[in-house]
Amino acid sequence: MVAAAGLNLEEAHRYARRVGERWPIERALLGGARVDDHRGAPAQRERGSEYVAILVSAGFDGIPWLERVYQAESLWDGETMGAPVEAHCYTPVELERKRDLPVVAWVLRRGIDLQAR
């Protein structure tokens, strides 16, 4: 399930499962430059982060932002995926407040649902 652009969807799904073993995940979306590549975006563009994960869980409540991000990013297999992930870990309420941030809005609109098969 590896695309020509190097997007390893099987490993991305395994990542979502690993995160889900730590917190009850309500949504897991993957975006970023590699997802754009996978969808045929032209090479000559501002790339931004190679991978951006939006992870939503009520279980993040009470956990400091940096701690949840650190833990979520430590579960990512950067060697297999070819680049690190920029994890955004929100409670459902936090996501509602952050949904208009450009990177969050893009992933919500065009990201790959890592819980769907």
Protein backbone atom coordinates (compact mmCIF):
# COMPACT_ATOMS: atom_id res chain seq x y z
CA MET A 1 0.00 0.00 0.00
CA VAL A 2 2.95 2.38 -0.59
CA ALA A 3 2.24 5.08 -3.18
CA ALA A 4 4.75 6.31 -5.76
CA ALA A 5 5.19 9.51 -3.72
CA GLY A 6 6.26 7.38 -0.77
CA LEU A 7 3.08 7.57 1.28
CA ASN A 8 2.92 4.39 3.34
CA LEU A 9 -0.78 4.27 4.21
CA GLU A 10 -0.50 0.96 6.02
CA GLU A 11 2.08 2.38 8.44
CA ALA A 12 -0.02 5.55 8.85
CA HIS A 13 -2.98 3.38 9.89
CA ARG A 14 -0.73 1.46 12.29
CA TYR A 15 0.32 4.81 13.79
CA ALA A 16 -3.33 5.69 14.45
CA ARG A 17 -3.81 2.32 16.14
CA ARG A 18 -0.72 2.89 18.35
CA VAL A 19 -2.05 6.30 19.40
CA GLY A 20 -5.46 4.70 20.02
CA GLU A 21 -3.87 2.22 22.41
CA ARG A 22 -2.77 5.16 24.58
CA TRP A 23 -5.85 7.42 24.28
CA PRO A 24 -9.43 6.81 23.06
CA ILE A 25 -9.13 8.52 19.65
CA GLU A 26 -12.29 10.02 18.17
CA ARG A 27 -10.62 11.29 14.98
CA ALA A 28 -7.23 10.71 13.37
CA LEU A 29 -6.45 12.57 10.16
CA LEU A 30 -3.21 12.78 8.20
CA GLY A 31 -2.19 15.67 5.97
CA GLY A 32 0.96 17.46 4.90
CA ALA A 33 3.17 17.66 1.85
CA ARG A 34 3.41 13.88 1.39
CA VAL A 35 -0.39 13.60 1.33
CA ASP A 36 -0.45 16.43 -1.24
CA ASP A 37 2.14 14.53 -3.29
CA HIS A 38 0.02 11.39 -3.06
CA ARG A 39 -2.92 13.35 -4.45
CA GLY A 40 -0.93 14.73 -7.39
CA ALA A 41 0.04 18.24 -6.24
CA PRO A 42 2.71 19.87 -8.44
CA ALA A 43 6.33 19.68 -7.27
CA GLN A 44 6.89 23.45 -7.49
CA ARG A 45 5.06 24.65 -4.38
CA GLU A 46 5.57 25.60 -0.76
CA ARG A 47 5.78 22.21 0.93
CA GLY A 48 5.27 22.92 4.61
CA SER A 49 5.46 19.96 7.00
CA GLU A 50 5.87 16.58 5.34
CA TYR A 51 3.25 15.01 7.64
CA VAL A 52 0.65 16.63 9.90
CA ALA A 53 -1.56 14.49 12.12
CA ILE A 54 -4.73 15.83 13.73
CA LEU A 55 -5.61 13.61 16.67
CA VAL A 56 -8.80 14.20 18.64
CA SER A 57 -9.50 12.62 22.02
CA ALA A 58 -11.37 13.58 25.15
CA GLY A 59 -8.55 11.65 26.84
CA PHE A 60 -6.20 14.59 26.18
CA ASP A 61 -8.14 16.66 28.71
CA GLY A 62 -5.88 17.49 31.64
CA ILE A 63 -2.68 16.47 29.82
CA PRO A 64 -0.41 19.44 29.03
CA TRP A 65 -0.21 20.24 25.30
CA LEU A 66 3.52 19.57 24.96
CA GLU A 67 3.27 16.25 26.79
CA ARG A 68 0.51 14.92 24.54
CA VAL A 69 2.31 16.12 21.41
CA TYR A 70 5.61 14.59 22.58
CA GLN A 71 3.96 11.26 23.32
CA ALA A 72 1.99 11.20 20.05
CA GLU A 73 5.05 12.11 17.98
CA SER A 74 7.15 9.46 19.75
CA LEU A 75 4.73 6.80 18.45
CA TRP A 76 5.38 7.85 14.81
CA ASP A 77 7.83 5.72 12.81
CA GLY A 78 9.74 8.44 10.98
CA GLU A 79 12.18 5.98 9.44
CA THR A 80 9.40 3.96 7.81
CA MET A 81 7.44 7.07 6.82
CA GLY A 82 10.51 8.95 5.57
CA ALA A 83 9.94 12.09 7.65
CA PRO A 84 8.76 13.18 11.09
CA VAL A 85 5.17 14.08 11.92
CA GLU A 86 3.83 17.34 13.29
CA ALA A 87 1.14 16.13 15.70
CA HIS A 88 -1.78 18.30 16.75
CA CYS A 89 -3.49 16.67 19.74
CA TYR A 90 -6.83 18.24 20.63
CA THR A 91 -9.81 17.52 22.79
CA PRO A 92 -13.08 17.94 20.83
CA VAL A 93 -13.59 21.38 22.44
CA GLU A 94 -10.04 22.47 21.58
CA LEU A 95 -10.50 21.34 17.98
CA GLU A 96 -13.55 23.58 17.63
CA ARG A 97 -11.42 26.56 18.74
CA LYS A 98 -8.50 25.63 16.43
CA ARG A 99 -10.37 24.55 13.29
CA ASP A 100 -9.73 27.87 11.50
CA LEU A 101 -5.93 27.69 11.85
CA PRO A 102 -4.66 27.19 8.27
CA VAL A 103 -2.87 23.87 8.82
CA VAL A 104 -5.74 22.46 10.90
CA ALA A 105 -8.36 23.62 8.39
CA TRP A 106 -6.43 22.01 5.51
CA VAL A 107 -6.09 18.65 7.25
CA LEU A 108 -9.74 18.69 8.32
CA ARG A 109 -10.81 19.43 4.76
CA ARG A 110 -8.38 17.26 2.75
CA GLY A 111 -6.61 14.92 5.16
CA ILE A 112 -6.75 11.14 5.03
CA ASP A 113 -8.98 9.57 7.68
CA LEU A 114 -6.71 7.09 9.44
CA GLN A 115 -9.62 5.35 11.11
CA ALA A 116 -11.41 4.53 7.85
CA ARG A 117 -10.51 1.49 5.79
